[in-house]
Amino acid sequence: MISPITSKKYHKVFGLIYVSVVRSGLRSCKIDEAADKILSYLEQMDAFSRKVRTALRYPIFMLGDYSRSVGMQLRHRTPRLKRCA
């Protein structure tokens, strides 16, 4: 029996890794272990992406603050040209 997830048309939906792990789990009759591996992988990726987002908050804030500061300085300290009429 071939699971619908292991057919080739789902490679773009689930990704090649997921489909391959499920296919090998079905072939070896160890689908529970395959599902545990996928779950472990997804949890690790979620934890990693949370850490990256947390680590990037301060630099992004500082970049925005610096940009606002430079913009205000350029706006207020550059001479304004008057139109000669």
Protein backbone atom coordinates (compact mmCIF):
# COMPACT_ATOMS: atom_id res chain seq x y z
CA MET A 1 0.00 0.00 0.00
CA ILE A 2 1.33 3.42 -0.93
CA SER A 3 0.32 6.33 1.22
CA PRO A 4 -0.99 9.39 -0.64
CA ILE A 5 1.74 11.51 0.98
CA THR A 6 4.47 9.42 -0.63
CA SER A 7 3.28 9.98 -4.17
CA LYS A 8 5.40 12.30 -6.29
CA LYS A 9 2.79 15.03 -6.58
CA TYR A 10 3.17 15.91 -2.87
CA HIS A 11 6.92 16.63 -3.01
CA LYS A 12 6.23 20.34 -3.50
CA VAL A 13 3.68 20.44 -0.67
CA PHE A 14 5.53 18.54 2.04
CA GLY A 15 9.12 18.65 0.81
CA LEU A 16 11.35 15.84 -0.26
CA ILE A 17 12.65 15.09 3.25
CA TYR A 18 9.20 14.52 4.74
CA VAL A 19 8.04 12.37 1.87
CA SER A 20 11.22 10.30 1.96
CA VAL A 21 11.01 9.74 5.73
CA VAL A 22 7.37 8.69 5.51
CA ARG A 23 8.10 6.41 2.55
CA SER A 24 10.99 4.72 4.38
CA GLY A 25 8.85 4.41 7.52
CA LEU A 26 6.09 2.73 5.55
CA ARG A 27 8.48 0.36 3.81
CA SER A 28 10.18 -0.71 7.04
CA CYS A 29 6.89 -0.84 9.02
CA LYS A 30 8.28 1.72 11.46
CA ILE A 31 6.02 4.66 10.68
CA ASP A 32 5.88 5.62 14.38
CA GLU A 33 9.63 6.10 14.50
CA ALA A 34 9.52 8.05 11.25
CA ALA A 35 6.81 10.32 12.62
CA ASP A 36 8.86 10.85 15.80
CA LYS A 37 11.87 11.85 13.71
CA ILE A 38 9.82 14.32 11.71
CA LEU A 39 8.34 15.76 14.91
CA SER A 40 11.78 16.08 16.50
CA TYR A 41 13.11 17.81 13.39
CA LEU A 42 10.20 20.26 13.29
CA GLU A 43 10.59 21.08 16.99
CA GLN A 44 14.31 21.75 16.53
CA MET A 45 13.66 23.99 13.54
CA ASP A 46 10.98 25.89 15.45
CA ALA A 47 13.30 26.43 18.42
CA PHE A 48 16.09 27.57 16.11
CA SER A 49 13.89 30.05 14.25
CA ARG A 50 12.63 31.48 17.58
CA LYS A 51 16.23 31.97 18.72
CA VAL A 52 17.15 33.70 15.47
CA ARG A 53 14.14 36.02 15.66
CA THR A 54 14.95 36.86 19.28
CA ALA A 55 18.60 37.50 18.46
CA LEU A 56 17.72 39.83 15.58
CA ARG A 57 15.28 42.05 17.48
CA TYR A 58 17.90 44.31 19.05
CA PRO A 59 20.00 44.90 15.91
CA ILE A 60 16.88 45.67 13.88
CA PHE A 61 15.69 48.08 16.55
CA MET A 62 19.10 49.79 16.62
CA LEU A 63 19.22 50.05 12.83
CA GLY A 64 15.78 51.67 12.78
CA ASP A 65 16.72 54.05 15.58
CA TYR A 66 19.96 54.98 13.82
CA SER A 67 18.10 55.59 10.56
CA ARG A 68 15.61 57.86 12.28
CA SER A 69 18.44 59.77 13.97
CA VAL A 70 20.33 60.32 10.72
CA GLY A 71 17.13 61.34 8.96
CA MET A 72 16.30 63.90 11.62
CA GLN A 73 19.82 65.32 11.53
CA LEU A 74 19.77 65.61 7.76
CA ARG A 75 16.39 67.26 7.84
CA HIS A 76 17.21 69.85 10.47
CA ARG A 77 20.90 70.58 9.83
CA THR A 78 21.05 70.88 6.06
CA PRO A 79 20.50 74.39 4.71
CA ARG A 80 17.24 75.01 3.00
CA LEU A 81 17.42 76.57 -0.43
CA LYS A 82 15.14 79.49 -1.05
CA ARG A 83 13.64 80.17 -4.37
CA CYS A 84 14.80 83.36 -6.05
CA ALA A 85 11.98 85.24 -7.65
